[in-house]
Amino acid sequence: MSRITVPAVASATGATAVAYAEVKKIAGGTVPNLFAAIGHLNPALLTAVLNAEATLASGSLSKQDLETIKLLISERTGCDYCVAAHVMLGKMVGLTTDTLKKIRLGQSTGDAKRDALVHFVLNLHETNGTIKDQEYNVIRAAGYTEGQLLEISLAVAMTIFTNTFNRINDTDIDFPSVN
């Protein structure tokens, strides 16, 4: 059970209700527990999260790249909530169950560019972002632009933020379970 008690989403007023309405537009009419808790505590922060996610979505990384990053970081930080969310979202953007499993394990997916991304993100996570020139050269050779490296950085940061908050809150998982 989540540690933070969140009133019913339908009872929200003011800035929280406005932020929840934005989430509902994005999430098919629902407010996932993560966003309900953030919006309850700080609607401006929820709006900032939504804006950052919109910026990522309008960037040059593919939806599959973004879900690869988010799933891998969530797996490595041990956030069951985000793993469940990003497995579901990964399927929605066309990643197969087998590919998602391999991403979670940090194994080769058979797609050289995706595998380079997985390796790079793992390296970022394991080194706290201190990479060697060789790592930079490999991800660039895989076809990722300097601008996309910036987007990768934001995707990692946003995922670590939600992972950390979910771990603090022990947010109830409201996505299909993951094996």
N, C-alpha and C. Protein backbone atom coordinates (compact mmCIF):
# COMPACT_ATOMS: atom_id res chain seq x y z
N MET A 1 0.84 -1.18 0.00
CA MET A 1 0.00 0.00 0.00
C MET A 1 0.88 1.24 0.00
N SER A 2 0.54 2.19 -0.84
CA SER A 2 1.31 3.43 -0.93
C SER A 2 1.41 4.09 0.44
N ARG A 3 2.54 4.67 0.72
CA ARG A 3 2.76 5.34 2.01
C ARG A 3 2.04 6.68 2.09
N ILE A 4 1.92 7.35 0.95
CA ILE A 4 1.28 8.66 0.92
C ILE A 4 -0.19 8.46 0.55
N THR A 5 -1.06 8.98 1.41
CA THR A 5 -2.49 8.87 1.15
C THR A 5 -2.90 9.97 0.18
N VAL A 6 -3.50 9.56 -0.91
CA VAL A 6 -3.92 10.49 -1.95
C VAL A 6 -5.45 10.49 -1.99
N PRO A 7 -6.06 11.68 -1.84
CA PRO A 7 -7.53 11.74 -1.96
C PRO A 7 -7.97 11.27 -3.35
N ALA A 8 -9.22 10.94 -3.48
CA ALA A 8 -9.76 10.51 -4.77
C ALA A 8 -9.47 11.59 -5.82
N VAL A 9 -9.03 11.16 -6.98
CA VAL A 9 -8.70 12.07 -8.07
C VAL A 9 -9.89 12.97 -8.40
N ALA A 10 -11.10 12.41 -8.36
CA ALA A 10 -12.31 13.16 -8.69
C ALA A 10 -12.57 14.32 -7.73
N SER A 11 -11.98 14.27 -6.54
CA SER A 11 -12.21 15.34 -5.56
C SER A 11 -11.21 16.48 -5.68
N ALA A 12 -10.27 16.37 -6.60
CA ALA A 12 -9.23 17.40 -6.74
C ALA A 12 -9.83 18.72 -7.21
N THR A 13 -9.24 19.80 -6.73
CA THR A 13 -9.66 21.14 -7.13
C THR A 13 -8.43 21.96 -7.51
N GLY A 14 -8.67 23.13 -8.10
CA GLY A 14 -7.60 24.07 -8.39
C GLY A 14 -6.54 23.52 -9.31
N ALA A 15 -5.29 23.85 -8.97
CA ALA A 15 -4.16 23.47 -9.81
C ALA A 15 -4.01 21.95 -9.91
N THR A 16 -4.37 21.25 -8.85
CA THR A 16 -4.28 19.78 -8.90
C THR A 16 -5.27 19.23 -9.92
N ALA A 17 -6.49 19.74 -9.93
CA ALA A 17 -7.50 19.29 -10.91
C ALA A 17 -7.05 19.59 -12.33
N VAL A 18 -6.43 20.75 -12.53
CA VAL A 18 -5.94 21.12 -13.86
C VAL A 18 -4.84 20.15 -14.30
N ALA A 19 -3.90 19.87 -13.39
CA ALA A 19 -2.81 18.94 -13.72
C ALA A 19 -3.36 17.54 -14.00
N TYR A 20 -4.32 17.09 -13.19
CA TYR A 20 -4.92 15.78 -13.43
C TYR A 20 -5.62 15.73 -14.79
N ALA A 21 -6.27 16.82 -15.18
CA ALA A 21 -6.93 16.86 -16.50
C ALA A 21 -5.92 16.68 -17.62
N GLU A 22 -4.73 17.26 -17.46
CA GLU A 22 -3.67 17.07 -18.47
C GLU A 22 -3.23 15.62 -18.52
N VAL A 23 -3.08 15.00 -17.35
CA VAL A 23 -2.69 13.59 -17.31
C VAL A 23 -3.74 12.74 -18.01
N LYS A 24 -5.01 13.01 -17.72
CA LYS A 24 -6.09 12.23 -18.33
C LYS A 24 -6.05 12.31 -19.86
N LYS A 25 -5.69 13.47 -20.41
CA LYS A 25 -5.59 13.61 -21.87
C LYS A 25 -4.51 12.68 -22.42
N ILE A 26 -3.43 12.57 -21.69
CA ILE A 26 -2.28 11.77 -22.12
C ILE A 26 -2.51 10.28 -21.88
N ALA A 27 -3.13 9.96 -20.74
CA ALA A 27 -3.23 8.57 -20.28
C ALA A 27 -4.59 7.94 -20.54
N GLY A 28 -5.30 8.41 -21.52
CA GLY A 28 -6.55 7.76 -21.89
C GLY A 28 -7.65 7.86 -20.85
N GLY A 29 -7.72 9.00 -20.16
CA GLY A 29 -8.81 9.23 -19.22
C GLY A 29 -8.55 8.81 -17.79
N THR A 30 -7.36 8.31 -17.51
CA THR A 30 -7.04 7.90 -16.14
C THR A 30 -5.87 8.72 -15.60
N VAL A 31 -5.69 8.66 -14.30
CA VAL A 31 -4.54 9.28 -13.64
C VAL A 31 -3.80 8.16 -12.90
N PRO A 32 -2.69 7.68 -13.47
CA PRO A 32 -1.93 6.64 -12.78
C PRO A 32 -1.52 7.08 -11.37
N ASN A 33 -1.36 6.10 -10.50
CA ASN A 33 -1.07 6.38 -9.09
C ASN A 33 0.15 7.28 -8.90
N LEU A 34 1.18 7.10 -9.70
CA LEU A 34 2.37 7.96 -9.60
C LEU A 34 1.97 9.42 -9.77
N PHE A 35 1.25 9.72 -10.84
CA PHE A 35 0.88 11.10 -11.13
C PHE A 35 -0.14 11.63 -10.13
N ALA A 36 -1.00 10.75 -9.62
CA ALA A 36 -1.96 11.18 -8.60
C ALA A 36 -1.22 11.65 -7.35
N ALA A 37 -0.21 10.91 -6.95
CA ALA A 37 0.55 11.28 -5.75
C ALA A 37 1.34 12.57 -5.97
N ILE A 38 2.02 12.67 -7.11
CA ILE A 38 2.79 13.89 -7.38
C ILE A 38 1.86 15.10 -7.42
N GLY A 39 0.75 14.98 -8.14
CA GLY A 39 -0.19 16.09 -8.27
C GLY A 39 -0.81 16.49 -6.95
N HIS A 40 -1.10 15.51 -6.11
CA HIS A 40 -1.65 15.79 -4.78
C HIS A 40 -0.66 16.60 -3.94
N LEU A 41 0.60 16.22 -4.01
CA LEU A 41 1.62 16.89 -3.20
C LEU A 41 2.07 18.22 -3.78
N ASN A 42 2.17 18.29 -5.13
CA ASN A 42 2.70 19.50 -5.75
C ASN A 42 2.26 19.55 -7.21
N PRO A 43 1.12 20.17 -7.49
CA PRO A 43 0.64 20.19 -8.87
C PRO A 43 1.60 20.87 -9.84
N ALA A 44 2.35 21.86 -9.38
CA ALA A 44 3.32 22.52 -10.26
C ALA A 44 4.43 21.54 -10.65
N LEU A 45 4.82 20.69 -9.74
CA LEU A 45 5.84 19.69 -10.06
C LEU A 45 5.29 18.67 -11.05
N LEU A 46 4.03 18.26 -10.89
CA LEU A 46 3.43 17.35 -11.86
C LEU A 46 3.40 18.00 -13.24
N THR A 47 3.05 19.27 -13.30
CA THR A 47 3.05 19.98 -14.58
C THR A 47 4.45 20.02 -15.19
N ALA A 48 5.46 20.22 -14.35
CA ALA A 48 6.85 20.22 -14.84
C ALA A 48 7.23 18.85 -15.39
N VAL A 49 6.82 17.79 -14.71
CA VAL A 49 7.10 16.43 -15.19
C VAL A 49 6.41 16.21 -16.53
N LEU A 50 5.15 16.60 -16.63
CA LEU A 50 4.41 16.43 -17.89
C LEU A 50 5.07 17.22 -19.02
N ASN A 51 5.53 18.44 -18.71
CA ASN A 51 6.20 19.26 -19.73
C ASN A 51 7.51 18.61 -20.18
N ALA A 52 8.28 18.08 -19.23
CA ALA A 52 9.53 17.41 -19.59
C ALA A 52 9.25 16.19 -20.45
N GLU A 53 8.22 15.43 -20.08
CA GLU A 53 7.87 14.24 -20.87
C GLU A 53 7.39 14.64 -22.27
N ALA A 54 6.65 15.74 -22.37
CA ALA A 54 6.20 16.21 -23.68
C ALA A 54 7.40 16.65 -24.53
N THR A 55 8.38 17.26 -23.89
CA THR A 55 9.59 17.67 -24.59
C THR A 55 10.31 16.44 -25.14
N LEU A 56 10.42 15.41 -24.32
CA LEU A 56 11.05 14.17 -24.79
C LEU A 56 10.25 13.55 -25.94
N ALA A 57 8.94 13.53 -25.81
CA ALA A 57 8.09 12.92 -26.84
C ALA A 57 8.18 13.66 -28.17
N SER A 58 8.48 14.96 -28.12
CA SER A 58 8.58 15.73 -29.36
C SER A 58 10.01 15.80 -29.88
N GLY A 59 10.92 15.12 -29.20
CA GLY A 59 12.32 15.12 -29.61
C GLY A 59 12.58 14.15 -30.74
N SER A 60 13.85 13.89 -30.98
CA SER A 60 14.22 13.05 -32.12
C SER A 60 14.45 11.58 -31.77
N LEU A 61 14.44 11.23 -30.48
CA LEU A 61 14.52 9.81 -30.13
C LEU A 61 13.18 9.16 -30.44
N SER A 62 13.22 7.93 -30.90
CA SER A 62 11.98 7.21 -31.17
C SER A 62 11.30 6.84 -29.85
N LYS A 63 10.02 6.54 -29.95
CA LYS A 63 9.28 6.09 -28.77
C LYS A 63 9.90 4.80 -28.23
N GLN A 64 10.36 3.94 -29.15
CA GLN A 64 11.01 2.70 -28.71
C GLN A 64 12.31 3.00 -27.98
N ASP A 65 13.08 3.98 -28.46
CA ASP A 65 14.31 4.37 -27.76
C ASP A 65 13.99 4.86 -26.35
N LEU A 66 12.98 5.73 -26.25
CA LEU A 66 12.61 6.27 -24.94
C LEU A 66 12.17 5.17 -23.99
N GLU A 67 11.36 4.24 -24.47
CA GLU A 67 10.92 3.15 -23.59
C GLU A 67 12.07 2.22 -23.24
N THR A 68 13.01 2.04 -24.16
CA THR A 68 14.21 1.24 -23.86
C THR A 68 14.97 1.87 -22.69
N ILE A 69 15.20 3.17 -22.76
CA ILE A 69 15.93 3.88 -21.71
C ILE A 69 15.18 3.79 -20.39
N LYS A 70 13.90 4.11 -20.42
CA LYS A 70 13.10 4.17 -19.19
C LYS A 70 12.97 2.79 -18.54
N LEU A 71 12.78 1.76 -19.36
CA LEU A 71 12.67 0.41 -18.82
C LEU A 71 13.99 -0.04 -18.22
N LEU A 72 15.07 0.20 -18.92
CA LEU A 72 16.38 -0.24 -18.44
C LEU A 72 16.76 0.44 -17.12
N ILE A 73 16.56 1.75 -17.05
CA ILE A 73 16.88 2.46 -15.81
C ILE A 73 15.97 2.00 -14.68
N SER A 74 14.69 1.82 -14.97
CA SER A 74 13.75 1.36 -13.94
C SER A 74 14.13 -0.01 -13.40
N GLU A 75 14.55 -0.88 -14.30
CA GLU A 75 14.99 -2.22 -13.88
C GLU A 75 16.22 -2.11 -13.00
N ARG A 76 17.17 -1.29 -13.40
CA ARG A 76 18.42 -1.17 -12.65
C ARG A 76 18.23 -0.50 -11.29
N THR A 77 17.26 0.39 -11.17
CA THR A 77 17.02 1.04 -9.88
C THR A 77 16.05 0.25 -9.01
N GLY A 78 15.45 -0.79 -9.58
CA GLY A 78 14.56 -1.64 -8.80
C GLY A 78 13.17 -1.06 -8.57
N CYS A 79 12.69 -0.26 -9.51
CA CYS A 79 11.36 0.34 -9.37
C CYS A 79 10.33 -0.54 -10.07
N ASP A 80 9.67 -1.39 -9.30
CA ASP A 80 8.68 -2.30 -9.86
C ASP A 80 7.54 -1.55 -10.54
N TYR A 81 7.15 -0.40 -9.99
CA TYR A 81 6.08 0.40 -10.58
C TYR A 81 6.45 0.81 -12.00
N CYS A 82 7.63 1.40 -12.14
CA CYS A 82 8.04 1.89 -13.46
C CYS A 82 8.37 0.75 -14.42
N VAL A 83 8.88 -0.35 -13.91
CA VAL A 83 9.12 -1.51 -14.80
C VAL A 83 7.78 -1.94 -15.40
N ALA A 84 6.75 -2.07 -14.56
CA ALA A 84 5.43 -2.47 -15.07
C ALA A 84 4.91 -1.46 -16.08
N ALA A 85 5.05 -0.18 -15.76
CA ALA A 85 4.56 0.87 -16.68
C ALA A 85 5.30 0.81 -18.01
N HIS A 86 6.62 0.68 -17.97
CA HIS A 86 7.39 0.76 -19.21
C HIS A 86 7.37 -0.54 -20.01
N VAL A 87 7.08 -1.66 -19.39
CA VAL A 87 6.82 -2.88 -20.16
C VAL A 87 5.53 -2.69 -20.95
N MET A 88 4.48 -2.18 -20.27
CA MET A 88 3.22 -1.95 -20.96
C MET A 88 3.38 -0.92 -22.07
N LEU A 89 4.03 0.20 -21.77
CA LEU A 89 4.23 1.25 -22.77
C LEU A 89 5.15 0.76 -23.90
N GLY A 90 6.14 -0.04 -23.56
CA GLY A 90 7.03 -0.60 -24.58
C GLY A 90 6.26 -1.45 -25.57
N LYS A 91 5.34 -2.26 -25.06
CA LYS A 91 4.50 -3.07 -25.96
C LYS A 91 3.64 -2.16 -26.84
N MET A 92 3.15 -1.08 -26.26
CA MET A 92 2.29 -0.16 -27.01
C MET A 92 3.03 0.52 -28.16
N VAL A 93 4.36 0.67 -28.03
CA VAL A 93 5.13 1.32 -29.10
C VAL A 93 5.82 0.29 -30.01
N GLY A 94 5.47 -0.98 -29.85
CA GLY A 94 5.93 -2.00 -30.79
C GLY A 94 7.11 -2.85 -30.36
N LEU A 95 7.56 -2.74 -29.13
CA LEU A 95 8.62 -3.63 -28.66
C LEU A 95 8.00 -4.97 -28.27
N THR A 96 8.62 -6.05 -28.67
CA THR A 96 8.08 -7.38 -28.36
C THR A 96 8.37 -7.74 -26.91
N THR A 97 7.63 -8.71 -26.42
CA THR A 97 7.85 -9.21 -25.06
C THR A 97 9.28 -9.71 -24.90
N ASP A 98 9.79 -10.42 -25.90
CA ASP A 98 11.15 -10.93 -25.85
C ASP A 98 12.17 -9.79 -25.81
N THR A 99 11.97 -8.78 -26.63
CA THR A 99 12.88 -7.63 -26.64
C THR A 99 12.85 -6.92 -25.30
N LEU A 100 11.67 -6.74 -24.75
CA LEU A 100 11.56 -6.07 -23.44
C LEU A 100 12.29 -6.85 -22.36
N LYS A 101 12.17 -8.16 -22.40
CA LYS A 101 12.87 -9.00 -21.43
C LYS A 101 14.38 -8.85 -21.58
N LYS A 102 14.85 -8.85 -22.82
CA LYS A 102 16.29 -8.71 -23.06
C LYS A 102 16.79 -7.33 -22.64
N ILE A 103 16.00 -6.30 -22.86
CA ILE A 103 16.38 -4.95 -22.40
C ILE A 103 16.52 -4.97 -20.88
N ARG A 104 15.55 -5.54 -20.19
CA ARG A 104 15.59 -5.59 -18.72
C ARG A 104 16.85 -6.31 -18.22
N LEU A 105 17.26 -7.32 -18.95
CA LEU A 105 18.43 -8.10 -18.55
C LEU A 105 19.74 -7.50 -19.06
N GLY A 106 19.64 -6.46 -19.90
CA GLY A 106 20.84 -5.88 -20.49
C GLY A 106 21.48 -6.78 -21.52
N GLN A 107 20.69 -7.62 -22.14
CA GLN A 107 21.19 -8.58 -23.14
C GLN A 107 20.97 -8.04 -24.55
N SER A 108 21.66 -8.66 -25.49
CA SER A 108 21.51 -8.29 -26.89
C SER A 108 20.09 -8.55 -27.36
N THR A 109 19.53 -7.57 -28.06
CA THR A 109 18.18 -7.70 -28.62
C THR A 109 18.22 -8.12 -30.08
N GLY A 110 19.41 -8.13 -30.66
CA GLY A 110 19.54 -8.44 -32.08
C GLY A 110 19.42 -7.22 -32.97
N ASP A 111 19.19 -6.06 -32.37
CA ASP A 111 19.11 -4.79 -33.11
C ASP A 111 20.34 -3.99 -32.68
N ALA A 112 21.29 -3.82 -33.59
CA ALA A 112 22.58 -3.22 -33.25
C ALA A 112 22.44 -1.81 -32.65
N LYS A 113 21.56 -1.01 -33.20
CA LYS A 113 21.41 0.35 -32.68
C LYS A 113 20.79 0.33 -31.28
N ARG A 114 19.75 -0.49 -31.09
CA ARG A 114 19.14 -0.60 -29.75
C ARG A 114 20.16 -1.16 -28.76
N ASP A 115 20.93 -2.14 -29.19
CA ASP A 115 21.93 -2.72 -28.29
C ASP A 115 22.99 -1.69 -27.89
N ALA A 116 23.36 -0.82 -28.82
CA ALA A 116 24.30 0.26 -28.49
C ALA A 116 23.69 1.20 -27.46
N LEU A 117 22.40 1.48 -27.61
CA LEU A 117 21.70 2.34 -26.64
C LEU A 117 21.65 1.67 -25.28
N VAL A 118 21.31 0.39 -25.24
CA VAL A 118 21.26 -0.34 -23.97
C VAL A 118 22.64 -0.31 -23.30
N HIS A 119 23.67 -0.60 -24.06
CA HIS A 119 25.03 -0.58 -23.51
C HIS A 119 25.38 0.80 -22.97
N PHE A 120 25.06 1.84 -23.73
CA PHE A 120 25.38 3.21 -23.33
C PHE A 120 24.64 3.59 -22.05
N VAL A 121 23.36 3.29 -21.99
CA VAL A 121 22.56 3.64 -20.80
C VAL A 121 23.05 2.85 -19.59
N LEU A 122 23.36 1.58 -19.79
CA LEU A 122 23.93 0.79 -18.68
C LEU A 122 25.23 1.42 -18.18
N ASN A 123 26.06 1.82 -19.13
CA ASN A 123 27.32 2.45 -18.77
C ASN A 123 27.08 3.76 -18.02
N LEU A 124 26.15 4.57 -18.49
CA LEU A 124 25.82 5.82 -17.79
C LEU A 124 25.40 5.53 -16.36
N HIS A 125 24.54 4.54 -16.20
CA HIS A 125 24.03 4.21 -14.87
C HIS A 125 25.13 3.69 -13.96
N GLU A 126 25.95 2.80 -14.48
CA GLU A 126 26.98 2.17 -13.67
C GLU A 126 28.12 3.13 -13.31
N THR A 127 28.35 4.14 -14.15
CA THR A 127 29.46 5.07 -13.90
C THR A 127 28.97 6.43 -13.39
N ASN A 128 27.68 6.51 -13.06
CA ASN A 128 27.09 7.79 -12.64
C ASN A 128 27.33 8.87 -13.68
N GLY A 129 27.33 8.48 -14.94
CA GLY A 129 27.42 9.43 -16.03
C GLY A 129 28.82 9.79 -16.47
N THR A 130 29.82 9.22 -15.82
CA THR A 130 31.20 9.51 -16.20
C THR A 130 31.64 8.48 -17.23
N ILE A 131 31.54 8.86 -18.50
CA ILE A 131 31.88 7.92 -19.56
C ILE A 131 33.23 8.25 -20.18
N LYS A 132 33.80 7.25 -20.78
CA LYS A 132 35.07 7.41 -21.47
C LYS A 132 34.82 7.81 -22.93
N ASP A 133 35.84 8.35 -23.56
CA ASP A 133 35.73 8.74 -24.96
C ASP A 133 35.24 7.58 -25.82
N GLN A 134 35.72 6.38 -25.53
CA GLN A 134 35.33 5.21 -26.30
C GLN A 134 33.81 5.00 -26.25
N GLU A 135 33.20 5.17 -25.09
CA GLU A 135 31.75 5.00 -24.95
C GLU A 135 31.01 6.05 -25.79
N TYR A 136 31.52 7.27 -25.74
CA TYR A 136 30.93 8.35 -26.53
C TYR A 136 31.03 8.02 -28.02
N ASN A 137 32.19 7.57 -28.44
CA ASN A 137 32.42 7.26 -29.85
C ASN A 137 31.54 6.10 -30.33
N VAL A 138 31.32 5.11 -29.48
CA VAL A 138 30.49 3.96 -29.86
C VAL A 138 29.03 4.39 -30.05
N ILE A 139 28.48 5.18 -29.14
CA ILE A 139 27.08 5.58 -29.27
C ILE A 139 26.90 6.51 -30.47
N ARG A 140 27.88 7.34 -30.73
CA ARG A 140 27.81 8.22 -31.91
C ARG A 140 27.91 7.39 -33.19
N ALA A 141 28.79 6.38 -33.19
CA ALA A 141 28.93 5.52 -34.36
C ALA A 141 27.67 4.71 -34.62
N ALA A 142 26.90 4.46 -33.58
CA ALA A 142 25.63 3.73 -33.73
C ALA A 142 24.56 4.59 -34.38
N GLY A 143 24.84 5.89 -34.52
CA GLY A 143 23.90 6.76 -35.21
C GLY A 143 23.18 7.77 -34.34
N TYR A 144 23.51 7.82 -33.07
CA TYR A 144 22.87 8.79 -32.17
C TYR A 144 23.59 10.14 -32.28
N THR A 145 22.81 11.19 -32.43
CA THR A 145 23.36 12.54 -32.58
C THR A 145 23.69 13.15 -31.22
N GLU A 146 24.41 14.25 -31.24
CA GLU A 146 24.70 14.96 -29.99
C GLU A 146 23.41 15.42 -29.33
N GLY A 147 22.46 15.88 -30.14
CA GLY A 147 21.17 16.29 -29.59
C GLY A 147 20.44 15.13 -28.94
N GLN A 148 20.55 13.95 -29.53
CA GLN A 148 19.92 12.77 -28.94
C GLN A 148 20.60 12.36 -27.65
N LEU A 149 21.90 12.60 -27.53
CA LEU A 149 22.58 12.32 -26.26
C LEU A 149 22.01 13.22 -25.16
N LEU A 150 21.66 14.43 -25.51
CA LEU A 150 21.01 15.34 -24.56
C LEU A 150 19.65 14.76 -24.16
N GLU A 151 18.88 14.28 -25.14
CA GLU A 151 17.57 13.69 -24.85
C GLU A 151 17.72 12.42 -24.00
N ILE A 152 18.73 11.62 -24.28
CA ILE A 152 19.00 10.43 -23.46
C ILE A 152 19.24 10.85 -22.02
N SER A 153 20.01 11.91 -21.84
CA SER A 153 20.30 12.40 -20.48
C SER A 153 19.03 12.80 -19.75
N LEU A 154 18.14 13.51 -20.44
CA LEU A 154 16.88 13.91 -19.81
C LEU A 154 16.01 12.70 -19.51
N ALA A 155 15.95 11.74 -20.42
CA ALA A 155 15.15 10.53 -20.19
C ALA A 155 15.67 9.77 -18.97
N VAL A 156 16.98 9.67 -18.83
CA VAL A 156 17.57 9.00 -17.67
C VAL A 156 17.21 9.76 -16.40
N ALA A 157 17.38 11.08 -16.43
CA ALA A 157 17.10 11.90 -15.24
C ALA A 157 15.63 11.81 -14.82
N MET A 158 14.73 11.91 -15.78
CA MET A 158 13.30 11.85 -15.46
C MET A 158 12.93 10.48 -14.90
N THR A 159 13.53 9.45 -15.44
CA THR A 159 13.23 8.10 -14.97
C THR A 159 13.77 7.90 -13.56
N ILE A 160 14.95 8.37 -13.29
CA ILE A 160 15.49 8.25 -11.93
C ILE A 160 14.62 9.03 -10.95
N PHE A 161 14.11 10.19 -11.36
CA PHE A 161 13.21 10.96 -10.49
C PHE A 161 11.97 10.13 -10.14
N THR A 162 11.28 9.59 -11.17
CA THR A 162 10.06 8.84 -10.87
C THR A 162 10.36 7.55 -10.12
N ASN A 163 11.46 6.90 -10.46
CA ASN A 163 11.86 5.70 -9.73
C ASN A 163 12.07 6.00 -8.26
N THR A 164 12.79 7.07 -7.98
CA THR A 164 13.10 7.43 -6.59
C THR A 164 11.83 7.75 -5.83
N PHE A 165 10.95 8.56 -6.42
CA PHE A 165 9.71 8.89 -5.73
C PHE A 165 8.86 7.66 -5.49
N ASN A 166 8.75 6.79 -6.49
CA ASN A 166 7.97 5.56 -6.31
C ASN A 166 8.54 4.68 -5.20
N ARG A 167 9.84 4.66 -5.08
CA ARG A 167 10.46 3.85 -4.02
C ARG A 167 10.21 4.46 -2.65
N ILE A 168 10.24 5.80 -2.58
CA ILE A 168 9.91 6.47 -1.31
C ILE A 168 8.47 6.18 -0.93
N ASN A 169 7.57 6.35 -1.90
CA ASN A 169 6.13 6.20 -1.66
C ASN A 169 5.67 4.75 -1.60
N ASP A 170 6.43 3.85 -2.19
CA ASP A 170 6.00 2.46 -2.37
C ASP A 170 4.66 2.47 -3.12
N THR A 171 4.65 3.22 -4.22
CA THR A 171 3.44 3.46 -4.99
C THR A 171 2.79 2.16 -5.43
N ASP A 172 1.48 2.05 -5.17
CA ASP A 172 0.72 0.88 -5.61
C ASP A 172 0.77 0.80 -7.13
N ILE A 173 1.10 -0.38 -7.64
CA ILE A 173 1.22 -0.59 -9.08
C ILE A 173 -0.17 -0.72 -9.70
N ASP A 174 -0.44 0.13 -10.66
CA ASP A 174 -1.74 0.11 -11.35
C ASP A 174 -1.57 -0.19 -12.84
N PHE A 175 -0.60 -1.01 -13.16
CA PHE A 175 -0.33 -1.48 -14.51
C PHE A 175 -0.32 -3.00 -14.48
N PRO A 176 -0.45 -3.67 -15.64
CA PRO A 176 -0.39 -5.13 -15.64
C PRO A 176 0.92 -5.63 -15.00
N SER A 177 0.82 -6.73 -14.28
CA SER A 177 2.01 -7.28 -13.62
C SER A 177 3.00 -7.79 -14.66
N VAL A 178 4.27 -7.77 -14.26
CA VAL A 178 5.36 -8.20 -15.12
C VAL A 178 6.00 -9.42 -14.51
N ASN A 179 6.27 -10.40 -15.36
CA ASN A 179 6.92 -11.63 -14.88
C ASN A 179 8.42 -11.47 -14.90
